[in-house]
C-alpha atoms as a PDB file:
ATOM      1  CA  MET A   1      72.944 429.468 120.616  1.00  0.00           C
ATOM      2  CA  ILE A   2      68.971 429.651 121.912  1.00  0.00           C
ATOM      3  CA  SER A   3      68.767 432.692 119.628  1.00  0.00           C
ATOM      4  CA  GLU A   4      69.786 431.283 116.990  1.00  0.00           C
ATOM      5  CA  ILE A   5      67.060 428.244 117.976  1.00  0.00           C
ATOM      6  CA  ILE A   6      65.227 430.541 118.359  1.00  0.00           C
ATOM      7  CA  SER A   7      66.311 433.149 114.995  1.00  0.00           C
ATOM      8  CA  GLU A   8      65.438 429.819 113.091  1.00  0.00           C
ATOM      9  CA  THR A   9      61.222 428.584 113.992  1.00  0.00           C
ATOM     10  CA  SER A  10      59.505 431.079 111.339  1.00  0.00           C
ATOM     11  CA  GLU A  11      56.716 428.123 109.990  1.00  0.00           C
ATOM     12  CA  GLU A  12      58.999 429.057 105.880  1.00  0.00           C
ATOM     13  CA  ALA A  13      62.519 428.572 108.175  1.00  0.00           C
ATOM     14  CA  LYS A  14      60.823 424.993 109.007  1.00  0.00           C
ATOM     15  CA  GLU A  15      59.821 424.205 106.450  1.00  0.00           C
ATOM     16  CA  LYS A  16      63.075 424.251 104.871  1.00  0.00           C
ATOM     17  CA  LYS A  17      64.959 422.020 107.814  1.00  0.00           C
ATOM     18  CA  SER A  18      64.923 418.661 107.415  1.00  0.00           C
ATOM     19  CA  LEU A  19      63.790 415.671 110.315  1.00  0.00           C
ATOM     20  CA  LYS A  20      67.357 415.223 111.691  1.00  0.00           C
ATOM     21  CA  GLU A  21      67.733 419.267 111.902  1.00  0.00           C
ATOM     22  CA  LEU A  22      64.400 419.076 113.938  1.00  0.00           C
ATOM     23  CA  TYR A  23      65.192 416.696 116.018  1.00  0.00           C
ATOM     24  CA  LYS A  24      68.135 418.213 116.433  1.00  0.00           C
ATOM     25  CA  GLU A  25      66.402 421.350 117.537  1.00  0.00           C
ATOM     26  CA  LEU A  26      63.856 419.970 120.071  1.00  0.00           C
ATOM     27  CA  ASP A  27      67.237 418.601 121.809  1.00  0.00           C
ATOM     28  CA  ALA A  28      68.269 422.224 123.046  1.00  0.00           C
ATOM     29  CA  ALA A  29      64.941 423.193 123.926  1.00  0.00           C
ATOM     30  CA  VAL A  30      64.685 420.946 126.089  1.00  0.00           C
ATOM     31  CA  ALA A  31      67.730 420.981 127.167  1.00  0.00           C
ATOM     32  CA  ASN A  32      67.804 424.462 127.698  1.00  0.00           C
ATOM     33  CA  GLU A  33      64.079 424.197 129.313  1.00  0.00           C
ATOM     34  CA  ASN A  34      62.153 426.391 126.921  1.00  0.00           C
ATOM     35  CA  TYR A  35      58.926 423.577 126.016  1.00  0.00           C
ATOM     36  CA  GLU A  36      56.658 426.190 124.853  1.00  0.00           C
ATOM     37  CA  LEU A  37      59.258 425.900 121.337  1.00  0.00           C
ATOM     38  CA  ALA A  38      59.745 422.310 122.208  1.00  0.00           C
ATOM     39  CA  ALA A  39      56.039 421.782 121.842  1.00  0.00           C
ATOM     40  CA  LYS A  40      56.869 423.371 118.588  1.00  0.00           C
ATOM     41  CA  ILE A  41      59.344 421.543 117.070  1.00  0.00           C
ATOM     42  CA  ARG A  42      57.782 418.734 118.651  1.00  0.00           C
ATOM     43  CA  ASP A  43      54.589 419.327 116.459  1.00  0.00           C
ATOM     44  CA  GLU A  44      56.355 420.198 113.252  1.00  0.00           C
ATOM     45  CA  ILE A  45      57.685 416.344 112.866  1.00  0.00           C
ATOM     46  CA  SER A  46      54.387 414.708 113.734  1.00  0.00           C
ATOM     47  CA  LYS A  47      53.603 416.532 110.739  1.00  0.00           C
ATOM     48  CA  ARG A  48      56.181 415.781 108.249  1.00  0.00           C
ATOM     49  CA  SER A  49      56.078 411.986 110.249  1.00  0.00           C
END
């Protein structure tokens, strides 16, 4: 599951995701203690809000 999240965090893939999907990925990253990925997702959410 984590590998799926990591592989989908490229800039192009992030642009296609909805905010709802990004929040789900953020929750998963935090749950798995992947704080670097969580920060990237958080930043993407902030850019869109």
